[in-house]
Each structure stands twice: as structure tokens, then as C-alpha cells.
């Protein structure tokens, strides 16, 4: 089971994205608006969902803090 795709659809809803961020980090309430803006950035076609693969690729390209393996665990879930 993945952290941000509990239905294993291969897509992440805005609500699950926000919930995942809240579970992974200590998020001040005023930061949640920025999280929503970030989700909208990823949701290019405005369907309310983002592909897990697309989200992973964007995070890998733009993250200086996490290695690809860390992002795999966050986005795709643990396989073990």
C-alpha cells in the first residue's frame, strides 16, 4: 500500500497529497495553502489527480534533499 495512493490507482488526489505531506512532515497550518499550490502545479490538466510516476519524476528532478530511492518509498510505497 502506498502512502499517498491508498487505492493503488496510480494517481494521487489533492486530499491524499496533502495528507501524505502532513504525515511525512510537520506542516504549519499556513503552509497547507502552499501545498495546494504545489499540487496544482503537478496537476497540469486540472483533473484533480496526478500520476504517481509523474509526481515521482518531478520530485526526483527537483529535490536536493531526497535520493531517488527515498522518493520511491514516498510515492510508490514499500515493496517489502
PDB file of N, CA and C in Angstrom:
ATOM      1  N   UNK A   1       0.851  -1.191   0.000  1.00  0.00           N
ATOM      2  CA  UNK A   1       0.000   0.000   0.000  1.00  0.00           C
ATOM      3  C   UNK A   1       0.887   1.241   0.000  1.00  0.00           C
ATOM      4  N   UNK A   2       0.546   2.185  -0.821  1.00  0.00           N
ATOM      5  CA  UNK A   2       1.358   3.395  -0.898  1.00  0.00           C
ATOM      6  C   UNK A   2       0.875   4.430   0.106  1.00  0.00           C
ATOM      7  N   UNK A   3       1.733   5.352   0.400  1.00  0.00           N
ATOM      8  CA  UNK A   3       1.405   6.398   1.359  1.00  0.00           C
ATOM      9  C   UNK A   3       0.407   7.402   0.801  1.00  0.00           C
ATOM     10  N   UNK A   4       0.576   7.779  -0.455  1.00  0.00           N
ATOM     11  CA  UNK A   4      -0.295   8.820  -0.999  1.00  0.00           C
ATOM     12  C   UNK A   4      -1.250   8.314  -2.069  1.00  0.00           C
ATOM     13  N   UNK A   5      -1.246   7.021  -2.325  1.00  0.00           N
ATOM     14  CA  UNK A   5      -2.181   6.398  -3.271  1.00  0.00           C
ATOM     15  C   UNK A   5      -2.766   5.151  -2.623  1.00  0.00           C
ATOM     16  N   UNK A   6      -3.568   5.312  -1.568  1.00  0.00           N
ATOM     17  CA  UNK A   6      -4.053   4.153  -0.819  1.00  0.00           C
ATOM     18  C   UNK A   6      -4.939   3.211  -1.631  1.00  0.00           C
ATOM     19  N   UNK A   7      -5.566   3.680  -2.695  1.00  0.00           N
ATOM     20  CA  UNK A   7      -6.411   2.834  -3.537  1.00  0.00           C
ATOM     21  C   UNK A   7      -5.615   2.141  -4.646  1.00  0.00           C
ATOM     22  N   UNK A   8      -4.301   2.422  -4.702  1.00  0.00           N
ATOM     23  CA  UNK A   8      -3.413   1.831  -5.695  1.00  0.00           C
ATOM     24  C   UNK A   8      -3.918   2.058  -7.122  1.00  0.00           C
ATOM     25  N   UNK A   9      -4.348   3.303  -7.382  1.00  0.00           N
ATOM     26  CA  UNK A   9      -4.868   3.670  -8.700  1.00  0.00           C
ATOM     27  C   UNK A   9      -3.773   4.158  -9.646  1.00  0.00           C
ATOM     28  N   UNK A  10      -2.614   4.436  -9.086  1.00  0.00           N
ATOM     29  CA  UNK A  10      -1.568   5.040  -9.893  1.00  0.00           C
ATOM     30  C   UNK A  10      -1.744   6.537 -10.030  1.00  0.00           C
ATOM     31  N   UNK A  11      -2.700   7.093  -9.281  1.00  0.00           N
ATOM     32  CA  UNK A  11      -2.967   8.530  -9.284  1.00  0.00           C
ATOM     33  C   UNK A  11      -3.087   9.004  -7.836  1.00  0.00           C
ATOM     34  N   UNK A  12      -2.765  10.262  -7.617  1.00  0.00           N
ATOM     35  CA  UNK A  12      -2.827  10.859  -6.283  1.00  0.00           C
ATOM     36  C   UNK A  12      -3.822  12.008  -6.322  1.00  0.00           C
ATOM     37  N   UNK A  13      -4.803  11.980  -5.406  1.00  0.00           N
ATOM     38  CA  UNK A  13      -5.738  13.101  -5.310  1.00  0.00           C
ATOM     39  C   UNK A  13      -5.112  14.215  -4.482  1.00  0.00           C
ATOM     40  N   UNK A  14      -5.660  15.401  -4.595  1.00  0.00           N
ATOM     41  CA  UNK A  14      -5.152  16.537  -3.819  1.00  0.00           C
ATOM     42  C   UNK A  14      -5.246  16.227  -2.324  1.00  0.00           C
ATOM     43  N   UNK A  15      -6.347  15.638  -1.895  1.00  0.00           N
ATOM     44  CA  UNK A  15      -6.528  15.334  -0.473  1.00  0.00           C
ATOM     45  C   UNK A  15      -5.473  14.350   0.020  1.00  0.00           C
ATOM     46  N   UNK A  16      -5.188  13.291  -0.763  1.00  0.00           N
ATOM     47  CA  UNK A  16      -4.175  12.321  -0.368  1.00  0.00           C
ATOM     48  C   UNK A  16      -2.776  12.920  -0.422  1.00  0.00           C
ATOM     49  N   UNK A  17      -2.541  13.813  -1.382  1.00  0.00           N
ATOM     50  CA  UNK A  17      -1.258  14.502  -1.474  1.00  0.00           C
ATOM     51  C   UNK A  17      -1.023  15.321  -0.211  1.00  0.00           C
ATOM     52  N   UNK A  18      -2.027  16.087   0.191  1.00  0.00           N
ATOM     53  CA  UNK A  18      -1.913  16.914   1.395  1.00  0.00           C
ATOM     54  C   UNK A  18      -1.749  16.030   2.630  1.00  0.00           C
ATOM     55  N   UNK A  19      -2.541  14.974   2.728  1.00  0.00           N
ATOM     56  CA  UNK A  19      -2.447  14.056   3.867  1.00  0.00           C
ATOM     57  C   UNK A  19      -1.050  13.432   3.934  1.00  0.00           C
ATOM     58  N   UNK A  20      -0.509  13.050   2.781  1.00  0.00           N
ATOM     59  CA  UNK A  20       0.835  12.471   2.747  1.00  0.00           C
ATOM     60  C   UNK A  20       1.885  13.456   3.213  1.00  0.00           C
ATOM     61  N   UNK A  21       1.772  14.696   2.761  1.00  0.00           N
ATOM     62  CA  UNK A  21       2.714  15.727   3.197  1.00  0.00           C
ATOM     63  C   UNK A  21       2.607  15.926   4.703  1.00  0.00           C
ATOM     64  N   UNK A  22       1.386  15.963   5.218  1.00  0.00           N
ATOM     65  CA  UNK A  22       1.192  16.146   6.668  1.00  0.00           C
ATOM     66  C   UNK A  22       1.763  14.982   7.460  1.00  0.00           C
ATOM     67  N   UNK A  23       1.695  13.763   6.923  1.00  0.00           N
ATOM     68  CA  UNK A  23       2.234  12.601   7.625  1.00  0.00           C
ATOM     69  C   UNK A  23       3.753  12.552   7.577  1.00  0.00           C
ATOM     70  N   UNK A  24       4.331  13.058   6.477  1.00  0.00           N
ATOM     71  CA  UNK A  24       5.785  12.992   6.321  1.00  0.00           C
ATOM     72  C   UNK A  24       6.509  14.128   7.021  1.00  0.00           C
ATOM     73  N   UNK A  25       5.852  15.274   7.143  1.00  0.00           N
ATOM     74  CA  UNK A  25       6.495  16.465   7.679  1.00  0.00           C
ATOM     75  C   UNK A  25       5.605  17.132   8.713  1.00  0.00           C
ATOM     76  N   UNK A  26       6.210  17.935   9.581  1.00  0.00           N
ATOM     77  CA  UNK A  26       5.450  18.801  10.466  1.00  0.00           C
ATOM     78  C   UNK A  26       5.093  20.033   9.650  1.00  0.00           C
ATOM     79  N   UNK A  27       3.805  20.196   9.396  1.00  0.00           N
ATOM     80  CA  UNK A  27       3.364  21.242   8.481  1.00  0.00           C
ATOM     81  C   UNK A  27       2.557  22.289   9.249  1.00  0.00           C
ATOM     82  N   UNK A  28       3.045  23.528   9.295  1.00  0.00           N
ATOM     83  CA  UNK A  28       2.248  24.587   9.915  1.00  0.00           C
ATOM     84  C   UNK A  28       0.978  24.813   9.083  1.00  0.00           C
ATOM     85  N   UNK A  29      -0.128  25.159   9.734  1.00  0.00           N
ATOM     86  CA  UNK A  29      -1.406  25.328   9.011  1.00  0.00           C
ATOM     87  C   UNK A  29      -1.327  26.281   7.816  1.00  0.00           C
ATOM     88  N   UNK A  30      -0.570  27.364   7.935  1.00  0.00           N
ATOM     89  CA  UNK A  30      -0.494  28.305   6.820  1.00  0.00           C
ATOM     90  C   UNK A  30       0.298  27.752   5.636  1.00  0.00           C
ATOM     91  N   UNK A  31       1.065  26.689   5.858  1.00  0.00           N
ATOM     92  CA  UNK A  31       1.833  26.067   4.781  1.00  0.00           C
ATOM     93  C   UNK A  31       0.949  25.200   3.884  1.00  0.00           C
ATOM     94  N   UNK A  32      -0.204  24.774   4.390  1.00  0.00           N
ATOM     95  CA  UNK A  32      -1.087  23.917   3.600  1.00  0.00           C
ATOM     96  C   UNK A  32      -1.527  24.593   2.310  1.00  0.00           C
ATOM     97  N   UNK A  33      -1.678  25.892   2.326  1.00  0.00           N
ATOM     98  CA  UNK A  33      -2.037  26.609   1.094  1.00  0.00           C
ATOM     99  C   UNK A  33      -0.928  26.447   0.047  1.00  0.00           C
ATOM    100  N   UNK A  34       0.313  26.496   0.485  1.00  0.00           N
ATOM    101  CA  UNK A  34       1.432  26.301  -0.432  1.00  0.00           C
ATOM    102  C   UNK A  34       1.462  24.870  -0.968  1.00  0.00           C
ATOM    103  N   UNK A  35       1.076  23.914  -0.133  1.00  0.00           N
ATOM    104  CA  UNK A  35       0.999  22.518  -0.569  1.00  0.00           C
ATOM    105  C   UNK A  35      -0.060  22.380  -1.666  1.00  0.00           C
ATOM    106  N   UNK A  36      -1.208  23.055  -1.486  1.00  0.00           N
ATOM    107  CA  UNK A  36      -2.251  23.027  -2.513  1.00  0.00           C
ATOM    108  C   UNK A  36      -1.756  23.644  -3.816  1.00  0.00           C
ATOM    109  N   UNK A  37      -1.023  24.720  -3.731  1.00  0.00           N
ATOM    110  CA  UNK A  37      -0.461  25.361  -4.923  1.00  0.00           C
ATOM    111  C   UNK A  37       0.513  24.399  -5.615  1.00  0.00           C
ATOM    112  N   UNK A  38       1.314  23.702  -4.830  1.00  0.00           N
ATOM    113  CA  UNK A  38       2.257  22.727  -5.403  1.00  0.00           C
ATOM    114  C   UNK A  38       1.506  21.618  -6.125  1.00  0.00           C
ATOM    115  N   UNK A  39       0.411  21.137  -5.530  1.00  0.00           N
ATOM    116  CA  UNK A  39      -0.375  20.092  -6.184  1.00  0.00           C
ATOM    117  C   UNK A  39      -0.920  20.595  -7.518  1.00  0.00           C
ATOM    118  N   UNK A  40      -1.435  21.808  -7.523  1.00  0.00           N
ATOM    119  CA  UNK A  40      -1.974  22.372  -8.776  1.00  0.00           C
ATOM    120  C   UNK A  40      -0.882  22.476  -9.831  1.00  0.00           C
ATOM    121  N   UNK A  41       0.348  22.739  -9.406  1.00  0.00           N
ATOM    122  CA  UNK A  41       1.472  22.785 -10.340  1.00  0.00           C
ATOM    123  C   UNK A  41       1.651  21.420 -11.009  1.00  0.00           C
ATOM    124  N   UNK A  42       1.564  20.342 -10.221  1.00  0.00           N
ATOM    125  CA  UNK A  42       1.721  18.991 -10.748  1.00  0.00           C
ATOM    126  C   UNK A  42       0.513  18.566 -11.587  1.00  0.00           C
ATOM    127  N   UNK A  43      -0.664  19.053 -11.236  1.00  0.00           N
ATOM    128  CA  UNK A  43      -1.919  18.673 -11.904  1.00  0.00           C
ATOM    129  C   UNK A  43      -2.123  19.543 -13.142  1.00  0.00           C
ATOM    130  N   UNK A  44      -1.299  19.342 -14.122  1.00  0.00           N
ATOM    131  CA  UNK A  44      -1.280  20.194 -15.318  1.00  0.00           C
ATOM    132  C   UNK A  44      -2.603  20.200 -16.092  1.00  0.00           C
ATOM    133  N   UNK A  45      -3.322  19.067 -16.102  1.00  0.00           N
ATOM    134  CA  UNK A  45      -4.574  19.020 -16.868  1.00  0.00           C
ATOM    135  C   UNK A  45      -5.796  19.317 -16.002  1.00  0.00           C
ATOM    136  N   UNK A  46      -5.565  19.680 -14.735  1.00  0.00           N
ATOM    137  CA  UNK A  46      -6.620  20.112 -13.819  1.00  0.00           C
ATOM    138  C   UNK A  46      -7.715  19.065 -13.620  1.00  0.00           C
ATOM    139  N   UNK A  47      -7.320  17.768 -13.581  1.00  0.00           N
ATOM    140  CA  UNK A  47      -8.294  16.706 -13.376  1.00  0.00           C
ATOM    141  C   UNK A  47      -8.478  16.361 -11.897  1.00  0.00           C
ATOM    142  N   UNK A  48      -7.667  16.955 -11.035  1.00  0.00           N
ATOM    143  CA  UNK A  48      -7.786  16.672  -9.607  1.00  0.00           C
ATOM    144  C   UNK A  48      -6.965  15.484  -9.155  1.00  0.00           C
ATOM    145  N   UNK A  49      -6.188  14.906 -10.065  1.00  0.00           N
ATOM    146  CA  UNK A  49      -5.309  13.779  -9.742  1.00  0.00           C
ATOM    147  C   UNK A  49      -4.000  13.952 -10.493  1.00  0.00           C
ATOM    148  N   UNK A  50      -2.947  13.381  -9.904  1.00  0.00           N
ATOM    149  CA  UNK A  50      -1.626  13.414 -10.519  1.00  0.00           C
ATOM    150  C   UNK A  50      -1.116  11.987 -10.576  1.00  0.00           C
ATOM    151  N   UNK A  51      -0.527  11.610 -11.694  1.00  0.00           N
ATOM    152  CA  UNK A  51       0.041  10.273 -11.828  1.00  0.00           C
ATOM    153  C   UNK A  51       1.198  10.107 -10.850  1.00  0.00           C
ATOM    154  N   UNK A  52       1.251   8.961 -10.182  1.00  0.00           N
ATOM    155  CA  UNK A  52       2.353   8.688  -9.244  1.00  0.00           C
ATOM    156  C   UNK A  52       3.691   8.750  -9.963  1.00  0.00           C
ATOM    157  N   UNK A  53       3.751   8.214 -11.167  1.00  0.00           N
ATOM    158  CA  UNK A  53       5.001   8.225 -11.928  1.00  0.00           C
ATOM    159  C   UNK A  53       5.424   9.652 -12.251  1.00  0.00           C
ATOM    160  N   UNK A  54       4.470  10.473 -12.672  1.00  0.00           N
ATOM    161  CA  UNK A  54       4.764  11.869 -12.997  1.00  0.00           C
ATOM    162  C   UNK A  54       5.237  12.621 -11.744  1.00  0.00           C
ATOM    163  N   UNK A  55       4.544  12.405 -10.628  1.00  0.00           N
ATOM    164  CA  UNK A  55       4.930  13.052  -9.376  1.00  0.00           C
ATOM    165  C   UNK A  55       6.330  12.627  -8.968  1.00  0.00           C
ATOM    166  N   UNK A  56       6.622  11.340  -9.069  1.00  0.00           N
ATOM    167  CA  UNK A  56       7.948  10.840  -8.719  1.00  0.00           C
ATOM    168  C   UNK A  56       9.013  11.491  -9.595  1.00  0.00           C
ATOM    169  N   UNK A  57       8.773  11.541 -10.907  1.00  0.00           N
ATOM    170  CA  UNK A  57       9.758  12.128 -11.821  1.00  0.00           C
ATOM    171  C   UNK A  57      10.021  13.596 -11.495  1.00  0.00           C
ATOM    172  N   UNK A  58       8.968  14.345 -11.187  1.00  0.00           N
ATOM    173  CA  UNK A  58       9.133  15.755 -10.837  1.00  0.00           C
ATOM    174  C   UNK A  58       9.910  15.910  -9.534  1.00  0.00           C
ATOM    175  N   UNK A  59       9.605  15.070  -8.546  1.00  0.00           N
ATOM    176  CA  UNK A  59      10.310  15.157  -7.266  1.00  0.00           C
ATOM    177  C   UNK A  59      11.780  14.783  -7.417  1.00  0.00           C
ATOM    178  N   UNK A  60      12.057  13.743  -8.219  1.00  0.00           N
ATOM    179  CA  UNK A  60      13.444  13.329  -8.432  1.00  0.00           C
ATOM    180  C   UNK A  60      14.235  14.460  -9.077  1.00  0.00           C
ATOM    181  N   UNK A  61      13.655  15.101 -10.087  1.00  0.00           N
ATOM    182  CA  UNK A  61      14.349  16.181 -10.796  1.00  0.00           C
ATOM    183  C   UNK A  61      14.554  17.413  -9.930  1.00  0.00           C
ATOM    184  N   UNK A  62      13.637  17.663  -8.988  1.00  0.00           N
ATOM    185  CA  UNK A  62      13.661  18.936  -8.261  1.00  0.00           C
ATOM    186  C   UNK A  62      14.066  18.832  -6.795  1.00  0.00           C
ATOM    187  N   UNK A  63      14.402  17.648  -6.325  1.00  0.00           N
ATOM    188  CA  UNK A  63      14.728  17.504  -4.908  1.00  0.00           C
ATOM    189  C   UNK A  63      16.230  17.402  -4.693  1.00  0.00           C
ATOM    190  N   UNK A  64      16.734  18.268  -3.851  1.00  0.00           N
ATOM    191  CA  UNK A  64      18.130  18.174  -3.428  1.00  0.00           C
ATOM    192  C   UNK A  64      18.239  17.421  -2.112  1.00  0.00           C
ATOM    193  N   UNK A  65      17.108  17.251  -1.439  1.00  0.00           N
ATOM    194  CA  UNK A  65      17.103  16.662  -0.099  1.00  0.00           C
ATOM    195  C   UNK A  65      16.971  15.143  -0.115  1.00  0.00           C
ATOM    196  N   UNK A  66      16.232  14.600  -1.098  1.00  0.00           N
ATOM    197  CA  UNK A  66      15.945  13.166  -1.119  1.00  0.00           C
ATOM    198  C   UNK A  66      16.599  12.482  -2.308  1.00  0.00           C
ATOM    199  N   UNK A  67      17.032  11.234  -2.089  1.00  0.00           N
ATOM    200  CA  UNK A  67      17.543  10.410  -3.178  1.00  0.00           C
ATOM    201  C   UNK A  67      16.347   9.749  -3.874  1.00  0.00           C
ATOM    202  N   UNK A  68      16.573   9.236  -5.064  1.00  0.00           N
ATOM    203  CA  UNK A  68      15.501   8.595  -5.828  1.00  0.00           C
ATOM    204  C   UNK A  68      14.860   7.450  -5.046  1.00  0.00           C
ATOM    205  N   UNK A  69      15.652   6.697  -4.287  1.00  0.00           N
ATOM    206  CA  UNK A  69      15.116   5.583  -3.509  1.00  0.00           C
ATOM    207  C   UNK A  69      14.148   6.082  -2.429  1.00  0.00           C
ATOM    208  N   UNK A  70      14.466   7.237  -1.811  1.00  0.00           N
ATOM    209  CA  UNK A  70      13.577   7.821  -0.802  1.00  0.00           C
ATOM    210  C   UNK A  70      12.253   8.214  -1.442  1.00  0.00           C
ATOM    211  N   UNK A  71      12.335   8.819  -2.612  1.00  0.00           N
ATOM    212  CA  UNK A  71      11.126   9.268  -3.298  1.00  0.00           C
ATOM    213  C   UNK A  71      10.300   8.069  -3.742  1.00  0.00           C
ATOM    214  N   UNK A  72      10.953   6.970  -4.152  1.00  0.00           N
ATOM    215  CA  UNK A  72      10.221   5.743  -4.490  1.00  0.00           C
ATOM    216  C   UNK A  72       9.379   5.283  -3.312  1.00  0.00           C
ATOM    217  N   UNK A  73       9.961   5.311  -2.113  1.00  0.00           N
ATOM    218  CA  UNK A  73       9.213   4.893  -0.922  1.00  0.00           C
ATOM    219  C   UNK A  73       8.059   5.809  -0.625  1.00  0.00           C
ATOM    220  N   UNK A  74       8.249   7.103  -0.804  1.00  0.00           N
ATOM    221  CA  UNK A  74       7.191   8.078  -0.534  1.00  0.00           C
ATOM    222  C   UNK A  74       6.053   7.952  -1.547  1.00  0.00           C
ATOM    223  N   UNK A  75       6.407   7.887  -2.826  1.00  0.00           N
ATOM    224  CA  UNK A  75       5.404   7.931  -3.884  1.00  0.00           C
ATOM    225  C   UNK A  75       4.868   6.556  -4.226  1.00  0.00           C
ATOM    226  N   UNK A  76       5.755   5.598  -4.437  1.00  0.00           N
ATOM    227  CA  UNK A  76       5.323   4.302  -4.920  1.00  0.00           C
ATOM    228  C   UNK A  76       5.052   3.307  -3.797  1.00  0.00           C
ATOM    229  N   UNK A  77       5.522   3.591  -2.603  1.00  0.00           N
ATOM    230  CA  UNK A  77       5.295   2.694  -1.474  1.00  0.00           C
ATOM    231  C   UNK A  77       6.393   1.649  -1.360  1.00  0.00           C
ATOM    232  N   UNK A  78       6.433   1.015  -0.226  1.00  0.00           N
ATOM    233  CA  UNK A  78       7.437  -0.017   0.024  1.00  0.00           C
ATOM    234  C   UNK A  78       6.999  -1.329  -0.614  1.00  0.00           C
ATOM    235  N   UNK A  79       7.922  -2.014  -1.226  1.00  0.00           N
ATOM    236  CA  UNK A  79       7.584  -3.305  -1.820  1.00  0.00           C
ATOM    237  C   UNK A  79       7.896  -4.458  -0.891  1.00  0.00           C
ATOM    238  N   UNK A  80       8.468  -4.159   0.273  1.00  0.00           N
ATOM    239  CA  UNK A  80       8.855  -5.220   1.180  1.00  0.00           C
ATOM    240  C   UNK A  80       8.114  -5.165   2.384  1.00  0.00           C
TER     241      UNK A  80
END
